[in-house]
Amino acid sequence: VQLQASGGGLVQAGGSLRLSCAVSGRIFSRYAVAWYRQAPGKQRELVAAISSGGDSNYSDSVKGRFTISRDNAKNTVYLQMNSLKPEDTAVYYCNSWPRNAWPWGQGTQVTVSS
């Protein structure tokens, strides 16, 4: 399995970005998947997760601002990020959830300027 995250960039506070993570292989639809992020000097943290059936949950820090979704036909998970804050600056990764069963990809950098 390979994970290819994309869609990051530099955005001003209050702006929006949509991240995508394509998962190679034919097992995607069977797994719950999640977005994680790691800011400089901090541990990787869970941002949002979505079950194989589409049920989602979010960390308190992003609830109401971020939306996770998936397209099983495209083996892709998305993260719509609105009302971005400087504290959302991090490298964003996807992986299976709750157990990270796949090798971590490169992630995609999100930088929010104040």
Protein backbone atom coordinates (compact mmCIF):
# COMPACT_ATOMS: atom_id res chain seq x y z
CA VAL A 1 0.00 0.00 0.00
CA GLN A 2 1.20 3.48 -0.84
CA LEU A 3 -0.30 6.75 0.44
CA GLN A 4 -0.13 9.92 -1.64
CA ALA A 5 -1.36 13.05 0.11
CA SER A 6 -1.84 16.30 -1.80
CA GLY A 7 -3.61 19.64 -1.68
CA GLY A 8 -1.59 21.44 0.95
CA GLY A 9 -0.20 24.92 0.58
CA LEU A 10 0.10 28.38 2.09
CA VAL A 11 -3.14 30.10 3.04
CA GLN A 12 -4.14 33.07 5.15
CA ALA A 13 -6.01 32.62 8.39
CA GLY A 14 -9.70 32.16 7.69
CA GLY A 15 -9.04 30.50 4.36
CA SER A 16 -9.79 27.01 3.12
CA LEU A 17 -7.97 24.04 1.67
CA ARG A 18 -9.04 20.61 0.51
CA LEU A 19 -6.63 17.75 1.05
CA SER A 20 -6.72 14.45 -0.80
CA CYS A 21 -5.03 11.17 -0.01
CA ALA A 22 -4.97 8.42 -2.61
CA VAL A 23 -4.42 4.90 -1.31
CA SER A 24 -3.04 2.30 -3.68
CA GLY A 25 -4.30 -1.23 -3.59
CA ARG A 26 -7.75 -2.79 -3.46
CA ILE A 27 -8.28 -2.84 0.29
CA PHE A 28 -9.24 0.79 0.86
CA SER A 29 -12.99 0.29 1.15
CA ARG A 30 -12.62 -2.22 3.99
CA TYR A 31 -10.70 0.14 6.26
CA ALA A 32 -11.53 3.06 8.43
CA VAL A 33 -9.13 5.85 7.52
CA ALA A 34 -8.01 9.02 9.18
CA TRP A 35 -6.13 12.23 8.76
CA TYR A 36 -3.30 13.01 11.14
CA ARG A 37 -1.04 16.02 11.46
CA GLN A 38 2.34 16.78 12.92
CA ALA A 39 3.47 20.28 13.73
CA PRO A 40 7.16 21.10 14.24
CA GLY A 41 8.38 19.85 17.59
CA LYS A 42 5.11 18.08 18.37
CA GLN A 43 3.84 14.54 18.19
CA ARG A 44 1.61 13.36 15.39
CA GLU A 45 -2.04 13.74 16.34
CA LEU A 46 -5.36 12.48 15.04
CA VAL A 47 -7.40 15.11 13.21
CA ALA A 48 -10.41 13.23 11.85
CA ALA A 49 -11.42 9.66 11.08
CA ILE A 50 -14.08 8.03 8.92
CA SER A 51 -15.31 4.46 9.08
CA SER A 52 -15.76 2.18 6.09
CA GLY A 53 -19.46 3.01 6.31
CA GLY A 54 -18.96 6.76 6.41
CA ASP A 55 -19.30 7.58 10.11
CA SER A 56 -16.88 10.32 11.10
CA ASN A 57 -15.35 11.79 14.20
CA TYR A 58 -13.12 14.78 14.81
CA SER A 59 -10.67 16.13 17.32
CA ASP A 60 -12.07 18.94 19.40
CA SER A 61 -9.63 21.39 17.84
CA VAL A 62 -11.09 21.00 14.34
CA LYS A 63 -14.71 20.09 15.04
CA GLY A 64 -17.04 22.36 13.10
CA ARG A 65 -14.29 23.55 10.76
CA PHE A 66 -13.01 20.39 9.05
CA THR A 67 -14.95 17.71 7.18
CA ILE A 68 -13.61 14.27 6.32
CA SER A 69 -15.07 12.27 3.45
CA ARG A 70 -14.16 9.31 1.29
CA ASP A 71 -14.70 8.02 -2.21
CA ASN A 72 -14.25 4.25 -2.22
CA ALA A 73 -14.44 4.10 -6.02
CA LYS A 74 -11.37 6.35 -6.19
CA ASN A 75 -9.58 4.89 -3.14
CA THR A 76 -9.32 8.43 -1.83
CA VAL A 77 -10.00 10.18 1.46
CA TYR A 78 -10.52 13.94 1.62
CA LEU A 79 -10.23 16.62 4.27
CA GLN A 80 -12.06 19.88 3.67
CA MET A 81 -10.54 22.49 5.95
CA ASN A 82 -12.36 25.78 6.50
CA SER A 83 -11.73 28.73 8.82
CA LEU A 84 -8.07 27.77 9.03
CA LYS A 85 -6.01 29.04 11.94
CA PRO A 86 -2.24 29.44 12.30
CA GLU A 87 -2.28 26.57 14.81
CA ASP A 88 -3.45 24.28 11.99
CA THR A 89 0.00 24.61 10.42
CA ALA A 90 1.47 21.11 10.14
CA VAL A 91 2.27 18.26 7.79
CA TYR A 92 -0.93 16.30 7.19
CA TYR A 93 -0.93 12.54 6.65
CA CYS A 94 -3.53 9.86 6.10
CA ASN A 95 -3.46 6.27 7.31
CA SER A 96 -5.78 3.52 8.39
CA TRP A 97 -7.46 3.95 11.77
CA PRO A 98 -7.32 3.20 14.62
CA ARG A 99 -4.35 1.01 13.86
CA ASN A 100 -1.96 2.57 11.38
CA ALA A 101 -1.58 -0.48 9.17
CA TRP A 102 0.05 1.19 6.18
CA PRO A 103 3.51 2.70 5.69
CA TRP A 104 3.36 6.45 6.23
CA GLY A 105 3.58 8.57 3.12
CA GLN A 106 5.27 11.95 2.68
CA GLY A 107 2.27 13.94 3.82
CA THR A 108 1.33 17.37 2.58
CA GLN A 109 2.39 20.65 4.18
CA VAL A 110 -0.27 23.10 5.30
CA THR A 111 0.90 26.54 6.38
CA VAL A 112 -1.57 29.10 7.71
CA SER A 113 -0.33 32.66 8.01
CA SER A 114 -1.79 35.13 10.49
